[in-house]
Amino acid sequence: MKMKNKFLFGLIFTTQVWGADLSQTFTAGKGCLYQLEVQGQQIPMDVSIYVAGSSKDRVSIEYFISSRESLIPIEMWQQFEISPSSSGAKVTKGFVQTRELKNPEILHSEYLNGFDGVKVNDFLFSTESELNKNKIGVEEVEVPAGKDKATHYRTVAAGQTIDYWISDEAKPIGLVKLTSKHATDQKKNYSLALTSLMKNVKPFIDPSKGVPLTELGKSFLAKPESVR
């Protein structure tokens, strides 16, 4: 099973956030634990998204994905450095590591630009005005972590519909729930729900030990759109 870049979700950066000291907004070690259910898979996956580090003008976010769908459990870490840009935010660096990879491997730029039919900047790194174009309303959402009022947004592109709910109660990540639906592509039918908040999480990936991406490293990733 290959982990796809569709797992790059969860962060909503507004113009107000980018105007502030990011180290004050994104505290290292804080994050969220989610349950990911994918159509066609019987066993849900655990997805952790947390702040690996931050400074005044950049944030590093790490994702840990654990799957026991196969006989051999899959564990994968991805870390991304995000910096301000004129469009809201830009992913400037990325790394992947698994138990099979001795060192974190540096992702090529084509692995940072988007996933499936929806681009990252469509909803992950939007300005507040752009984000509000996709706003549906404020709703009560029930997830394993409990009930919460959250703002509902919807993005549609290339036949894929993504609904996501954001709440201040889930900061610094903000994401409470996300669902993706596609009429013909089964792998784009999945849901993500908040299980619990996290704190004092130590990052697994050390960017200073990064090495060039190998064929083994690529085997854990879906092919980027540019080379499909």
C-alpha atoms as a PDB file:
ATOM      1  CA  MET A   1       0.000   0.000   0.000  1.00  0.00           C
ATOM      2  CA  LYS A   2       1.339   3.400  -0.977  1.00  0.00           C
ATOM      3  CA  MET A   3       0.640   6.426   1.194  1.00  0.00           C
ATOM      4  CA  LYS A   4      -0.618   9.229  -1.025  1.00  0.00           C
ATOM      5  CA  ASN A   5      -0.111  12.956  -0.765  1.00  0.00           C
ATOM      6  CA  LYS A   6      -3.843  13.179  -0.132  1.00  0.00           C
ATOM      7  CA  PHE A   7      -2.867  13.038   3.553  1.00  0.00           C
ATOM      8  CA  LEU A   8      -1.552  16.594   3.299  1.00  0.00           C
ATOM      9  CA  PHE A   9      -4.523  18.197   4.948  1.00  0.00           C
ATOM     10  CA  GLY A  10      -5.484  19.876   8.147  1.00  0.00           C
ATOM     11  CA  LEU A  11      -3.867  23.305   8.253  1.00  0.00           C
ATOM     12  CA  ILE A  12      -5.723  26.542   7.683  1.00  0.00           C
ATOM     13  CA  PHE A  13      -3.450  29.575   7.565  1.00  0.00           C
ATOM     14  CA  THR A  14      -5.170  32.955   7.381  1.00  0.00           C
ATOM     15  CA  THR A  15      -3.670  36.353   6.640  1.00  0.00           C
ATOM     16  CA  GLN A  16      -3.972  37.164  10.345  1.00  0.00           C
ATOM     17  CA  VAL A  17      -1.827  34.156  11.230  1.00  0.00           C
ATOM     18  CA  TRP A  18       0.858  35.065   8.727  1.00  0.00           C
ATOM     19  CA  GLY A  19       1.009  38.598  10.087  1.00  0.00           C
ATOM     20  CA  ALA A  20       1.959  37.298  13.539  1.00  0.00           C
ATOM     21  CA  ASP A  21       4.962  35.553  15.056  1.00  0.00           C
ATOM     22  CA  LEU A  22       4.322  31.951  13.998  1.00  0.00           C
ATOM     23  CA  SER A  23       6.272  30.551  16.935  1.00  0.00           C
ATOM     24  CA  GLN A  24       3.602  32.044  19.205  1.00  0.00           C
ATOM     25  CA  THR A  25       0.756  30.489  17.205  1.00  0.00           C
ATOM     26  CA  PHE A  26       2.218  27.067  16.464  1.00  0.00           C
ATOM     27  CA  THR A  27       3.723  25.546  19.606  1.00  0.00           C
ATOM     28  CA  ALA A  28       6.161  22.715  18.941  1.00  0.00           C
ATOM     29  CA  GLY A  29       4.826  19.366  20.082  1.00  0.00           C
ATOM     30  CA  LYS A  30       1.120  20.237  19.854  1.00  0.00           C
ATOM     31  CA  GLY A  31      -1.161  18.553  17.373  1.00  0.00           C
ATOM     32  CA  CYS A  32      -4.056  16.195  16.743  1.00  0.00           C
ATOM     33  CA  LEU A  33      -4.637  12.465  16.397  1.00  0.00           C
ATOM     34  CA  TYR A  34      -7.135  11.354  13.754  1.00  0.00           C
ATOM     35  CA  GLN A  35      -8.787   8.167  12.579  1.00  0.00           C
ATOM     36  CA  LEU A  36      -8.663   7.716   8.822  1.00  0.00           C
ATOM     37  CA  GLU A  37     -11.129   5.415   7.064  1.00  0.00           C
ATOM     38  CA  VAL A  38     -10.596   4.620   3.393  1.00  0.00           C
ATOM     39  CA  GLN A  39     -13.214   2.906   1.239  1.00  0.00           C
ATOM     40  CA  GLY A  40     -12.222  -0.675   0.535  1.00  0.00           C
ATOM     41  CA  GLN A  41     -10.039  -0.990   3.620  1.00  0.00           C
ATOM     42  CA  GLN A  42     -11.422  -2.798   6.646  1.00  0.00           C
ATOM     43  CA  ILE A  43      -9.061  -1.411   9.278  1.00  0.00           C
ATOM     44  CA  PRO A  44      -8.911   2.364   9.928  1.00  0.00           C
ATOM     45  CA  MET A  45      -5.532   4.092   9.986  1.00  0.00           C
ATOM     46  CA  ASP A  46      -4.173   6.401  12.670  1.00  0.00           C
ATOM     47  CA  VAL A  47      -2.911   9.776  11.471  1.00  0.00           C
ATOM     48  CA  SER A  48      -1.065  12.182  13.761  1.00  0.00           C
ATOM     49  CA  ILE A  49      -0.467  15.769  12.643  1.00  0.00           C
ATOM     50  CA  TYR A  50       1.651  17.952  14.900  1.00  0.00           C
ATOM     51  CA  VAL A  51       4.028  20.904  14.972  1.00  0.00           C
ATOM     52  CA  ALA A  52       7.610  19.673  14.669  1.00  0.00           C
ATOM     53  CA  GLY A  53       9.062  23.170  15.101  1.00  0.00           C
ATOM     54  CA  SER A  54       8.386  26.829  14.402  1.00  0.00           C
ATOM     55  CA  SER A  55      10.068  30.216  14.166  1.00  0.00           C
ATOM     56  CA  LYS A  56       8.834  33.734  13.502  1.00  0.00           C
ATOM     57  CA  ASP A  57       8.320  33.152   9.782  1.00  0.00           C
ATOM     58  CA  ARG A  58       8.059  29.390   9.218  1.00  0.00           C
ATOM     59  CA  VAL A  59       6.431  26.257  10.575  1.00  0.00           C
ATOM     60  CA  SER A  60       7.431  22.598  10.274  1.00  0.00           C
ATOM     61  CA  ILE A  61       4.552  20.116  10.388  1.00  0.00           C
ATOM     62  CA  GLU A  62       5.044  16.374  10.781  1.00  0.00           C
ATOM     63  CA  TYR A  63       2.575  13.644   9.847  1.00  0.00           C
ATOM     64  CA  PHE A  64       2.725  10.104  11.226  1.00  0.00           C
ATOM     65  CA  ILE A  65       0.601   7.520   9.444  1.00  0.00           C
ATOM     66  CA  SER A  66       0.152   4.031  10.881  1.00  0.00           C
ATOM     67  CA  SER A  67      -1.679   1.264   9.012  1.00  0.00           C
ATOM     68  CA  ARG A  68      -2.284  -2.360   9.977  1.00  0.00           C
ATOM     69  CA  GLU A  69      -4.340  -3.265   6.934  1.00  0.00           C
ATOM     70  CA  SER A  70      -1.679  -5.728   5.743  1.00  0.00           C
ATOM     71  CA  LEU A  71       0.234  -8.462   7.559  1.00  0.00           C
ATOM     72  CA  ILE A  72       3.206  -6.103   7.843  1.00  0.00           C
ATOM     73  CA  PRO A  73       2.273  -2.839   9.624  1.00  0.00           C
ATOM     74  CA  ILE A  74       3.105   0.340   7.705  1.00  0.00           C
ATOM     75  CA  GLU A  75       4.512   3.342   9.536  1.00  0.00           C
ATOM     76  CA  MET A  76       5.460   6.497   7.665  1.00  0.00           C
ATOM     77  CA  TRP A  77       6.509   9.977   8.710  1.00  0.00           C
ATOM     78  CA  GLN A  78       6.401  13.041   6.478  1.00  0.00           C
ATOM     79  CA  GLN A  79       7.585  16.500   7.499  1.00  0.00           C
ATOM     80  CA  PHE A  80       6.998  19.773   5.645  1.00  0.00           C
ATOM     81  CA  GLU A  81       8.404  23.255   6.135  1.00  0.00           C
ATOM     82  CA  ILE A  82       5.911  26.002   5.365  1.00  0.00           C
ATOM     83  CA  SER A  83       6.765  29.680   4.800  1.00  0.00           C
ATOM     84  CA  PRO A  84       4.645  32.755   3.986  1.00  0.00           C
ATOM     85  CA  SER A  85       4.084  33.688   0.357  1.00  0.00           C
ATOM     86  CA  SER A  86       1.968  36.144  -1.577  1.00  0.00           C
ATOM     87  CA  SER A  87      -0.703  33.442  -2.039  1.00  0.00           C
ATOM     88  CA  GLY A  88      -0.879  32.621   1.674  1.00  0.00           C
ATOM     89  CA  ALA A  89       1.775  29.949   2.229  1.00  0.00           C
ATOM     90  CA  LYS A  90       4.313  27.837   0.400  1.00  0.00           C
ATOM     91  CA  VAL A  91       5.660  24.368   1.172  1.00  0.00           C
ATOM     92  CA  THR A  92       9.408  24.892   0.811  1.00  0.00           C
ATOM     93  CA  LYS A  93      10.830  21.575   2.049  1.00  0.00           C
ATOM     94  CA  GLY A  94       9.578  18.048   2.516  1.00  0.00           C
ATOM     95  CA  PHE A  95      10.910  14.772   3.920  1.00  0.00           C
ATOM     96  CA  VAL A  96       9.727  11.184   4.134  1.00  0.00           C
ATOM     97  CA  GLN A  97      10.927   8.401   6.436  1.00  0.00           C
ATOM     98  CA  THR A  98       9.812   4.872   7.295  1.00  0.00           C
ATOM     99  CA  ARG A  99      11.260   2.076   9.412  1.00  0.00           C
ATOM    100  CA  GLU A 100      12.843   0.770   6.216  1.00  0.00           C
ATOM    101  CA  LEU A 101      14.623   4.067   5.506  1.00  0.00           C
ATOM    102  CA  LYS A 102      17.689   4.718   7.665  1.00  0.00           C
ATOM    103  CA  ASN A 103      17.582   8.492   7.122  1.00  0.00           C
ATOM    104  CA  PRO A 104      14.844  10.944   6.164  1.00  0.00           C
ATOM    105  CA  GLU A 105      14.740  11.395   2.399  1.00  0.00           C
ATOM    106  CA  ILE A 106      14.242  14.769   0.750  1.00  0.00           C
ATOM    107  CA  LEU A 107      11.105  15.064  -1.360  1.00  0.00           C
ATOM    108  CA  HIS A 108      11.388  16.528  -4.847  1.00  0.00           C
ATOM    109  CA  SER A 109       9.353  19.645  -5.583  1.00  0.00           C
ATOM    110  CA  GLU A 110       6.727  17.686  -7.536  1.00  0.00           C
ATOM    111  CA  TYR A 111       5.789  15.875  -4.312  1.00  0.00           C
ATOM    112  CA  LEU A 112       5.030  19.198  -2.598  1.00  0.00           C
ATOM    113  CA  ASN A 113       2.621  20.776  -5.056  1.00  0.00           C
ATOM    114  CA  GLY A 114      -0.676  18.922  -4.700  1.00  0.00           C
ATOM    115  CA  PHE A 115      -2.552  15.654  -4.635  1.00  0.00           C
ATOM    116  CA  ASP A 116      -5.330  13.862  -6.465  1.00  0.00           C
ATOM    117  CA  GLY A 117      -7.777  16.306  -8.053  1.00  0.00           C
ATOM    118  CA  VAL A 118      -7.483  19.020  -5.414  1.00  0.00           C
ATOM    119  CA  LYS A 119      -4.464  21.285  -5.020  1.00  0.00           C
ATOM    120  CA  VAL A 120      -3.101  22.029  -1.568  1.00  0.00           C
ATOM    121  CA  ASN A 121      -3.642  25.766  -1.927  1.00  0.00           C
ATOM    122  CA  ASP A 122      -7.324  25.192  -2.713  1.00  0.00           C
ATOM    123  CA  PHE A 123      -8.056  24.847   0.981  1.00  0.00           C
ATOM    124  CA  LEU A 124      -5.006  24.147   3.134  1.00  0.00           C
ATOM    125  CA  PHE A 125      -3.166  27.409   2.815  1.00  0.00           C
ATOM    126  CA  SER A 126      -5.867  29.849   1.774  1.00  0.00           C
ATOM    127  CA  THR A 127      -6.182  33.451   2.844  1.00  0.00           C
ATOM    128  CA  GLU A 128      -9.242  34.139   4.972  1.00  0.00           C
ATOM    129  CA  SER A 129     -11.119  35.758   2.082  1.00  0.00           C
ATOM    130  CA  GLU A 130     -10.397  32.812  -0.214  1.00  0.00           C
ATOM    131  CA  LEU A 131     -11.353  30.327   2.482  1.00  0.00           C
ATOM    132  CA  ASN A 132     -14.691  32.018   3.063  1.00  0.00           C
ATOM    133  CA  LYS A 133     -15.635  31.439  -0.574  1.00  0.00           C
ATOM    134  CA  ASN A 134     -15.940  27.760   0.335  1.00  0.00           C
ATOM    135  CA  LYS A 135     -17.802  28.296   3.598  1.00  0.00           C
ATOM    136  CA  ILE A 136     -21.029  26.348   4.096  1.00  0.00           C
ATOM    137  CA  GLY A 137     -21.845  27.384   7.670  1.00  0.00           C
ATOM    138  CA  VAL A 138     -21.349  26.594  11.348  1.00  0.00           C
ATOM    139  CA  GLU A 139     -22.503  23.119  12.388  1.00  0.00           C
ATOM    140  CA  GLU A 140     -22.299  20.719  15.320  1.00  0.00           C
ATOM    141  CA  VAL A 141     -19.999  17.836  14.454  1.00  0.00           C
ATOM    142  CA  GLU A 142     -19.629  14.572  16.374  1.00  0.00           C
ATOM    143  CA  VAL A 143     -16.278  12.770  16.156  1.00  0.00           C
ATOM    144  CA  PRO A 144     -14.508  10.260  18.455  1.00  0.00           C
ATOM    145  CA  ALA A 145     -13.087  13.206  20.414  1.00  0.00           C
ATOM    146  CA  GLY A 146     -16.627  14.423  21.188  1.00  0.00           C
ATOM    147  CA  LYS A 147     -19.159  16.960  19.929  1.00  0.00           C
ATOM    148  CA  ASP A 148     -18.028  20.384  18.788  1.00  0.00           C
ATOM    149  CA  LYS A 149     -19.293  23.345  16.819  1.00  0.00           C
ATOM    150  CA  ALA A 150     -17.150  23.808  13.731  1.00  0.00           C
ATOM    151  CA  THR A 151     -17.171  25.808  10.511  1.00  0.00           C
ATOM    152  CA  HIS A 152     -17.994  23.690   7.471  1.00  0.00           C
ATOM    153  CA  TYR A 153     -16.197  24.291   4.142  1.00  0.00           C
ATOM    154  CA  ARG A 154     -16.429  22.508   0.790  1.00  0.00           C
ATOM    155  CA  THR A 155     -13.998  22.278  -2.125  1.00  0.00           C
ATOM    156  CA  VAL A 156     -14.843  20.623  -5.466  1.00  0.00           C
ATOM    157  CA  ALA A 157     -12.328  19.872  -8.222  1.00  0.00           C
ATOM    158  CA  ALA A 158     -11.906  17.212 -10.919  1.00  0.00           C
ATOM    159  CA  GLY A 159     -14.878  15.221  -9.667  1.00  0.00           C
ATOM    160  CA  GLN A 160     -13.635  15.138  -6.076  1.00  0.00           C
ATOM    161  CA  THR A 161     -15.673  16.787  -3.312  1.00  0.00           C
ATOM    162  CA  ILE A 162     -13.910  17.530  -0.022  1.00  0.00           C
ATOM    163  CA  ASP A 163     -15.897  18.695   2.990  1.00  0.00           C
ATOM    164  CA  TYR A 164     -13.986  19.781   6.074  1.00  0.00           C
ATOM    165  CA  TRP A 165     -14.846  21.217   9.462  1.00  0.00           C
ATOM    166  CA  ILE A 166     -12.545  23.625  11.335  1.00  0.00           C
ATOM    167  CA  SER A 167     -12.693  24.680  14.993  1.00  0.00           C
ATOM    168  CA  ASP A 168     -10.570  26.771  17.343  1.00  0.00           C
ATOM    169  CA  GLU A 169     -10.978  23.956  19.868  1.00  0.00           C
ATOM    170  CA  ALA A 170      -8.670  21.814  17.698  1.00  0.00           C
ATOM    171  CA  LYS A 171      -5.826  24.325  17.466  1.00  0.00           C
ATOM    172  CA  PRO A 172      -3.081  24.538  16.331  1.00  0.00           C
ATOM    173  CA  ILE A 173      -4.138  22.178  13.524  1.00  0.00           C
ATOM    174  CA  GLY A 174      -7.784  23.242  13.558  1.00  0.00           C
ATOM    175  CA  LEU A 175      -9.206  20.323  11.603  1.00  0.00           C
ATOM    176  CA  VAL A 176     -12.051  18.414  13.284  1.00  0.00           C
ATOM    177  CA  LYS A 177     -13.348  16.302  10.401  1.00  0.00           C
ATOM    178  CA  LEU A 178     -12.764  15.824   6.680  1.00  0.00           C
ATOM    179  CA  THR A 179     -14.551  13.720   4.074  1.00  0.00           C
ATOM    180  CA  SER A 180     -13.621  13.122   0.441  1.00  0.00           C
ATOM    181  CA  LYS A 181     -15.982  11.668  -2.160  1.00  0.00           C
ATOM    182  CA  HIS A 182     -15.539  10.725  -5.798  1.00  0.00           C
ATOM    183  CA  ALA A 183     -18.090   9.003  -8.023  1.00  0.00           C
ATOM    184  CA  THR A 184     -15.641   6.796  -9.935  1.00  0.00           C
ATOM    185  CA  ASP A 185     -12.295   6.727  -8.083  1.00  0.00           C
ATOM    186  CA  GLN A 186     -12.639   4.569  -4.967  1.00  0.00           C
ATOM    187  CA  LYS A 187      -9.288   5.590  -3.470  1.00  0.00           C
ATOM    188  CA  LYS A 188     -10.581   9.160  -3.225  1.00  0.00           C
ATOM    189  CA  ASN A 189     -13.416   8.110  -0.915  1.00  0.00           C
ATOM    190  CA  TYR A 190     -12.173   8.513   2.653  1.00  0.00           C
ATOM    191  CA  SER A 191     -12.873  10.316   5.915  1.00  0.00           C
ATOM    192  CA  LEU A 192     -10.754  11.735   8.716  1.00  0.00           C
ATOM    193  CA  ALA A 193     -12.097  12.362  12.231  1.00  0.00           C
ATOM    194  CA  LEU A 194     -10.462  13.874  15.309  1.00  0.00           C
ATOM    195  CA  THR A 195      -9.701  11.337  18.033  1.00  0.00           C
ATOM    196  CA  SER A 196      -7.777  13.466  20.540  1.00  0.00           C
ATOM    197  CA  LEU A 197      -5.508  16.459  20.972  1.00  0.00           C
ATOM    198  CA  MET A 198      -1.761  15.892  21.407  1.00  0.00           C
ATOM    199  CA  LYS A 199       1.024  17.690  23.231  1.00  0.00           C
ATOM    200  CA  ASN A 200       4.734  17.210  23.901  1.00  0.00           C
ATOM    201  CA  VAL A 201       5.153  15.167  20.714  1.00  0.00           C
ATOM    202  CA  LYS A 202       8.779  14.760  19.659  1.00  0.00           C
ATOM    203  CA  PRO A 203       9.397  14.873  15.891  1.00  0.00           C
ATOM    204  CA  PHE A 204      10.727  11.671  14.358  1.00  0.00           C
ATOM    205  CA  ILE A 205      12.369  13.296  11.340  1.00  0.00           C
ATOM    206  CA  ASP A 206      15.621  15.256  11.716  1.00  0.00           C
ATOM    207  CA  PRO A 207      15.944  17.422   8.570  1.00  0.00           C
ATOM    208  CA  SER A 208      19.705  17.837   9.157  1.00  0.00           C
ATOM    209  CA  LYS A 209      20.087  14.123   8.373  1.00  0.00           C
ATOM    210  CA  GLY A 210      18.179  14.341   5.096  1.00  0.00           C
ATOM    211  CA  VAL A 211      19.517  12.447   2.087  1.00  0.00           C
ATOM    212  CA  PRO A 212      18.425  12.420  -1.584  1.00  0.00           C
ATOM    213  CA  LEU A 213      15.203  10.560  -2.371  1.00  0.00           C
ATOM    214  CA  THR A 214      15.876   6.932  -3.324  1.00  0.00           C
ATOM    215  CA  GLU A 215      13.834   4.459  -5.341  1.00  0.00           C
ATOM    216  CA  LEU A 216      12.921   2.746  -2.058  1.00  0.00           C
ATOM    217  CA  GLY A 217      11.700   6.055  -0.669  1.00  0.00           C
ATOM    218  CA  LYS A 218       9.627   6.667  -3.806  1.00  0.00           C
ATOM    219  CA  SER A 219       8.014   3.248  -3.402  1.00  0.00           C
ATOM    220  CA  PHE A 220       6.180   4.481  -0.292  1.00  0.00           C
ATOM    221  CA  LEU A 221       4.718   7.476  -2.145  1.00  0.00           C
ATOM    222  CA  ALA A 222       2.164   7.842  -4.899  1.00  0.00           C
ATOM    223  CA  LYS A 223       3.548   9.169  -8.138  1.00  0.00           C
ATOM    224  CA  PRO A 224       3.182  12.958  -8.327  1.00  0.00           C
ATOM    225  CA  GLU A 225       0.733  14.269 -10.895  1.00  0.00           C
ATOM    226  CA  SER A 226       3.555  15.567 -13.103  1.00  0.00           C
ATOM    227  CA  VAL A 227       4.873  12.060 -13.807  1.00  0.00           C
ATOM    228  CA  ARG A 228       1.649  10.025 -13.897  1.00  0.00           C
END
